Structure formats: C-alpha cells, structure tokens
Protein backbone atom coordinates (compact mmCIF):
# COMPACT_ATOMS: atom_id res chain seq x y z
CA MET A 1 99.82 10.44 20.66
CA LYS A 2 96.52 8.54 20.83
CA ILE A 3 95.41 10.71 23.74
CA LEU A 4 96.22 13.83 21.72
CA HIS A 5 94.23 12.55 18.74
CA SER A 6 91.27 11.75 20.97
CA LEU A 7 91.45 15.19 22.54
CA LEU A 8 91.54 16.90 19.13
CA ALA A 9 88.63 14.77 17.89
CA GLY A 10 86.63 15.68 20.98
CA LEU A 11 87.33 19.37 20.52
CA LEU A 12 86.26 19.12 16.86
CA VAL A 13 82.97 17.50 17.82
CA LEU A 14 82.31 20.17 20.44
CA ALA A 15 83.13 22.93 17.97
CA LEU A 16 80.84 21.54 15.29
CA SER A 17 77.99 20.89 17.69
CA ALA A 18 78.12 24.43 19.06
CA PRO A 19 75.14 26.46 17.80
CA LEU A 20 75.65 29.19 15.23
CA ARG A 21 73.57 32.36 15.41
CA VAL A 22 72.57 33.91 12.08
CA ASN A 23 70.00 36.71 11.66
CA GLY A 24 68.86 36.24 15.23
CA GLN A 25 68.29 32.50 14.81
CA THR A 26 70.37 29.66 16.24
CA HIS A 27 71.14 26.42 14.41
CA PRO A 28 73.92 23.81 14.51
CA LYS A 29 77.00 24.42 12.40
CA VAL A 30 76.79 20.86 11.08
CA GLY A 31 73.90 18.41 11.23
CA ILE A 32 70.13 18.29 11.00
CA GLU A 33 67.73 20.67 12.70
CA GLU A 34 64.28 19.20 12.25
CA LYS A 35 61.75 21.64 10.83
CA LEU A 36 58.74 19.36 10.69
CA GLY A 37 55.63 21.12 9.46
CA GLN A 38 57.54 23.96 7.89
CA THR A 39 57.62 24.56 4.14
CA ILE A 40 60.76 24.54 2.05
CA PRO A 41 61.30 27.66 -0.12
CA LEU A 42 59.40 26.54 -3.22
CA ASP A 43 60.03 29.85 -5.00
CA GLN A 44 63.79 29.24 -5.04
CA GLU A 45 65.39 28.80 -8.47
CA LEU A 46 68.06 26.18 -9.14
CA TYR A 47 69.69 24.73 -12.24
CA ASP A 48 68.51 21.34 -13.46
CA GLU A 49 70.62 18.71 -15.25
CA THR A 50 70.13 20.46 -18.60
CA GLY A 51 71.29 23.83 -17.29
CA HIS A 52 67.84 25.43 -17.19
CA LEU A 53 66.67 27.48 -14.23
CA VAL A 54 63.70 25.85 -12.51
CA THR A 55 61.79 26.65 -9.35
CA LEU A 56 61.25 23.99 -6.73
CA LYS A 57 57.54 24.72 -7.01
CA SER A 58 57.58 23.58 -10.64
CA LEU A 59 59.13 20.25 -9.58
CA VAL A 60 57.45 19.42 -6.28
CA ASN A 61 54.00 18.15 -7.24
CA LYS A 62 53.97 14.83 -5.38
CA PRO A 63 55.62 13.35 -2.27
CA THR A 64 59.29 14.24 -2.65
CA ILE A 65 62.45 12.90 -1.05
CA PHE A 66 65.18 15.53 -0.82
CA THR A 67 68.84 14.54 -0.52
CA PHE A 68 71.65 17.04 -0.04
CA VAL A 69 75.06 15.87 -1.24
CA TYR A 70 77.97 17.08 -3.29
CA PHE A 71 79.00 15.12 -6.34
CA ARG A 72 82.74 14.96 -5.58
CA CYS A 73 82.14 13.76 -2.03
CA PRO A 74 84.70 11.12 -0.93
CA GLY A 75 82.63 10.16 2.10
CA ILE A 76 78.99 9.29 2.76
CA CYS A 77 77.32 10.88 -0.28
CA THR A 78 77.90 7.96 -2.64
CA PRO A 79 76.85 5.29 -0.09
CA LEU A 80 73.74 7.37 0.66
CA LEU A 81 72.70 7.57 -2.99
CA ASN A 82 73.61 3.92 -3.58
CA GLU A 83 71.41 2.89 -0.66
CA LEU A 84 68.58 5.06 -1.93
CA THR A 85 68.89 3.38 -5.34
CA LYS A 86 68.48 -0.03 -3.68
CA VAL A 87 65.40 1.21 -1.82
CA VAL A 88 63.85 2.44 -5.08
CA ASP A 89 64.30 -1.05 -6.52
CA LYS A 90 62.97 -2.88 -3.43
CA THR A 91 59.84 -0.86 -2.79
CA ASP A 92 56.67 -1.41 -4.81
CA LEU A 93 56.21 2.35 -5.19
CA VAL A 94 56.75 3.75 -8.67
CA LEU A 95 59.37 6.49 -8.92
CA GLY A 96 57.99 9.43 -10.87
CA LYS A 97 54.39 8.39 -10.25
CA ASP A 98 53.95 7.76 -6.53
CA TYR A 99 56.85 9.93 -5.44
CA GLN A 100 59.99 11.62 -6.69
CA ILE A 101 63.55 12.31 -5.56
CA ILE A 102 65.37 15.63 -5.77
CA THR A 103 69.10 15.55 -5.14
CA ILE A 104 70.70 18.96 -4.62
CA SER A 105 74.43 19.63 -4.56
CA PHE A 106 75.34 22.00 -1.73
CA ASP A 107 78.69 22.78 -3.40
CA TYR A 108 78.09 25.94 -5.46
CA ARG A 109 81.16 25.10 -7.57
CA GLU A 110 79.47 22.05 -9.08
CA THR A 111 77.80 22.42 -12.47
CA PRO A 112 74.71 21.12 -14.31
CA ASP A 113 77.03 18.93 -16.41
CA MET A 114 78.23 17.21 -13.25
CA ALA A 115 74.61 16.82 -12.16
CA ALA A 116 73.72 15.25 -15.51
CA GLY A 117 76.61 12.79 -15.23
CA LYS A 118 75.60 11.82 -11.71
CA LYS A 119 72.00 11.34 -12.78
CA ASP A 120 73.01 9.07 -15.67
CA ASN A 121 75.05 6.92 -13.29
CA TYR A 122 72.19 6.35 -10.89
CA MET A 123 69.51 5.87 -13.49
CA GLN A 124 71.67 3.10 -14.92
CA LEU A 125 72.05 1.50 -11.49
CA LEU A 126 68.29 1.11 -11.12
CA LYS A 127 67.28 -2.46 -11.92
CA LYS A 128 63.68 -1.71 -12.82
CA PRO A 129 62.68 0.91 -15.40
CA GLU A 130 61.81 4.27 -13.90
CA ASP A 131 60.75 7.65 -15.22
CA PRO A 132 63.94 9.75 -15.62
CA ASN A 133 61.97 12.80 -14.49
CA GLY A 134 61.30 11.05 -11.21
CA TRP A 135 64.84 11.71 -9.98
CA ARG A 136 66.21 15.20 -10.50
CA PHE A 137 69.74 16.45 -9.81
CA LEU A 138 70.07 20.18 -9.17
CA THR A 139 72.83 22.73 -8.61
CA GLY A 140 72.82 26.41 -7.67
CA ASP A 141 74.78 29.40 -6.47
CA SER A 142 75.78 29.81 -2.83
CA LEU A 143 72.82 32.01 -1.88
CA ALA A 144 70.27 29.67 -3.43
CA ILE A 145 71.84 26.64 -1.79
CA GLU A 146 71.98 28.32 1.62
CA ARG A 147 68.31 29.29 1.42
CA VAL A 148 67.17 25.78 0.48
CA THR A 149 69.38 23.92 2.96
CA ASP A 150 68.43 26.30 5.77
CA GLY A 151 64.75 25.85 4.92
CA ALA A 152 65.21 22.08 5.11
CA GLY A 153 67.24 22.20 8.33
CA PHE A 154 70.37 20.77 6.70
CA TYR A 155 73.64 22.37 7.83
CA PHE A 156 77.19 21.77 6.67
CA THR A 157 80.59 23.41 6.81
CA ARG A 158 83.48 23.56 4.40
CA SER A 159 86.73 21.80 5.31
CA GLY A 160 89.45 22.56 2.78
CA ASN A 161 88.21 21.43 -0.60
CA ASP A 162 85.52 19.23 0.92
CA PHE A 163 82.67 19.50 3.41
CA ILE A 164 81.66 18.14 6.79
CA HIS A 165 77.98 17.21 6.72
CA ALA A 166 75.34 14.73 7.81
CA GLY A 167 73.38 12.22 5.76
CA ALA A 168 69.59 12.10 5.68
CA LEU A 169 66.48 11.82 3.56
CA ILE A 170 64.10 14.75 4.00
CA VAL A 171 60.57 13.95 2.89
CA VAL A 172 58.09 16.68 1.94
CA SER A 173 54.44 16.76 0.89
CA PRO A 174 53.26 17.85 -2.58
CA GLU A 175 52.80 21.30 -1.04
CA GLY A 176 56.41 21.40 0.13
CA LYS A 177 55.72 20.76 3.84
CA ILE A 178 58.43 18.78 5.63
CA THR A 179 56.79 15.64 7.02
CA ARG A 180 59.62 13.25 7.91
CA TYR A 181 63.39 13.01 8.44
CA ILE A 182 65.12 9.69 7.88
CA ASN A 183 68.60 10.09 9.29
CA GLY A 184 71.72 8.16 8.36
CA ILE A 185 72.72 6.40 5.16
CA HIS A 186 70.97 3.03 5.64
CA TYR A 187 67.22 2.83 5.08
CA LEU A 188 64.49 0.25 5.35
CA PRO A 189 62.21 0.22 2.29
CA PHE A 190 59.27 0.08 4.71
CA ASP A 191 60.41 3.34 6.34
CA VAL A 192 60.66 5.09 3.01
CA LYS A 193 57.31 3.76 1.83
CA MET A 194 55.57 4.90 5.02
CA ALA A 195 57.27 8.31 4.80
CA VAL A 196 56.03 8.72 1.23
CA TYR A 197 52.51 7.68 2.23
CA GLU A 198 52.50 10.15 5.13
CA ALA A 199 53.78 12.91 2.85
CA SER A 200 50.99 12.23 0.36
CA THR A 201 48.45 13.03 3.08
CA GLY A 202 50.48 15.82 4.66
CA LYS A 203 50.81 13.86 7.89
CA ILE A 204 53.92 14.61 9.97
CA GLY A 205 55.79 11.51 11.13
CA PRO A 206 58.34 11.14 13.94
CA THR A 207 62.00 10.54 13.21
CA ILE A 208 62.31 6.89 14.23
CA ALA A 209 64.40 5.46 11.40
CA ASN A 210 67.51 4.99 13.53
CA ILE A 211 65.64 2.71 15.94
CA LEU A 212 63.96 0.70 13.18
CA THR A 213 67.19 0.30 11.26
CA PHE A 214 68.91 -0.98 14.38
CA CYS A 215 66.21 -3.34 15.54
CA PHE A 216 64.95 -4.78 12.30
CA SER A 217 66.56 -6.61 9.40
CA TYR A 218 65.21 -6.72 5.85
CA ASN A 219 64.90 -10.04 4.05
CA PRO A 220 65.20 -9.20 0.32
CA GLU A 221 64.06 -12.67 -0.79
CA GLY A 222 60.91 -12.79 1.29
CA ARG A 223 60.43 -9.00 1.26
CA THR A 224 59.76 -9.20 5.00
CA TYR A 225 61.11 -7.65 8.18
CA SER A 226 62.26 -9.57 11.24
CA LEU A 227 63.65 -8.60 14.60
CA ASN A 228 67.43 -8.74 14.67
CA PHE A 229 67.86 -10.62 17.94
CA MET A 230 71.65 -10.51 17.76
CA ARG A 231 71.65 -6.72 17.72
CA ILE A 232 69.03 -6.50 20.45
CA SER A 233 70.90 -9.02 22.62
CA PHE A 234 74.09 -7.03 22.15
CA VAL A 235 72.35 -3.88 23.38
CA VAL A 236 70.88 -5.71 26.38
CA ILE A 237 74.28 -7.13 27.31
CA LEU A 238 75.86 -3.68 27.04
CA GLY A 239 73.14 -2.32 29.26
CA PHE A 240 73.82 -4.91 31.97
CA VAL A 241 77.56 -4.27 31.74
CA GLY A 242 76.94 -0.54 32.14
CA ILE A 243 74.74 -1.12 35.19
CA PHE A 244 77.38 -3.40 36.70
CA VAL A 245 80.13 -0.83 36.17
CA ILE A 246 78.05 1.97 37.70
CA ILE A 247 76.96 -0.03 40.75
CA PHE A 248 80.15 -1.88 41.61
CA ILE A 249 82.97 0.25 40.19
CA VAL A 250 82.03 3.84 39.49
CA ARG A 251 79.74 4.51 42.45
CA PRO A 252 81.85 5.01 45.59
CA LYS A 253 81.39 2.38 48.21
CA LYS A 254 79.82 3.29 51.52
CA LYS A 255 82.32 3.53 54.33
CA GLN A 256 82.02 0.86 56.96
CA PRO A 257 81.28 2.27 60.43
CA GLU A 258 84.27 2.34 62.71
CA ARG A 259 84.20 -0.01 65.72
C-alpha cells in the first residue's frame, strides 16, 4: 500500500510539473515562473475590500509585495500571511509609507466581504500601528485573476473545492516591474527589507531566499542574524553520506583480473 501511495504521489508531481501550453506560451501548471524585469498588468481592475473596482495602477505607487492566496485555504495561505505579519512587525520599514502589501485571492468565488474580514484579522494581528491602506486585500473574476497571476508568474490548479498552489512573495517596483521573488512561507526580515529597497530603485535581485532561510537564523531579541551551524552541519553530513553511498555502494566495483 505504501508503494502504491508513493507511486501515485510521484505521478501527481510529474503531472503538475509538466508544462502547459496556452496561446503559444509554455508555463508550469502549478508553481512559480520567474518573470523578473517584466511588468504586471497595472491596467487590470479588481475589487477592493469595500467592493469598489480599482486598477492596480491606482494602488501601486511604491515598492509593493504581492501575495496570491485564497481566503478559505486550509493549507499554506494562513501560515504565509501570518509569517508576513511577523515580518512587518520585525522590520523597521513602515508599512504604507516605505512599502505596501497587496494580497489577491485567486479564487473568483471569494467576495469583497471576505477580503474585508481577512484584512481586519491581519490588521489586528499587527503589534505596531500601521496605515490600513498599506495592506490591501483584493478579489476579482476569473479572467482578471488569470491575467494578473499569469503576469506575475504565479500558477495554480483547482482540486475539488480547493487549489494546489505554491507560496511566495512577489516584489515589484513603484512602476510595477517585478524585481524579486521570495519563495516559500518563511521569510527573514532582512530579505524582505532588501527586496523592498531594491524595488524602490528598480533593481532586479536574484531569488536567494531559500538559501538564506536555510543557512541563517534570526534572533528577535538582538535583531541580528547568525549562521545556523546545526543546519549547515546536517547538510555537510548528508553530503558525505551521499558520497559514501555513491562510491562504495551504488557505483559497481571493478572486476578483479582473473589469474
């Protein structure tokens, strides 16, 4: 039974990682396709928390962190937003002044009322006072959502009543140019601060958050970063074990010459 489950899981991964061709262009069915240097569709209209139609151009006027979630998500969406809330509190940047966050639901069935409720929850979680206009929660119809997510390189697929999707922060400049991807659902405040700074100048930064998150630990009391030697040692040990297995077990032994 375990073998069958593993086989099915492997087939699912292969199916989701297979590229999908739409309008002559290929992109993954699920995941992130980095579009650094490209501009998100600023002319697209979406509904804000009050139910009014707004264009992204009217909102994006400073470095902006985009997050794509759906409000009913039973998986990584809530941890992602919770982690982002902690980062907002830890960094010395001022939300609404130095940068802003735009969270867009990619479930066209979700409403502005749901967006408003989600916004209230997260504004209350913030420990330091922030401008409510610094974090916007938007919804839209299926065509609007597809255009924005495709422009950002964020791809998802529906699975029953829910969705299969990745987690990431997508940082854009005040002009809407994508300058950095921060993948995953755990973020270093330093990463986010540097991404915001780069976006403010329009500088494109490499996607290195996964390495930094793995190799560095954040000390909330001292507001400092230190190498996580335990994690690094674990990787080194795994590397040596892998080399040992390849050399002495996997690689076939040379036949001894016959006498």
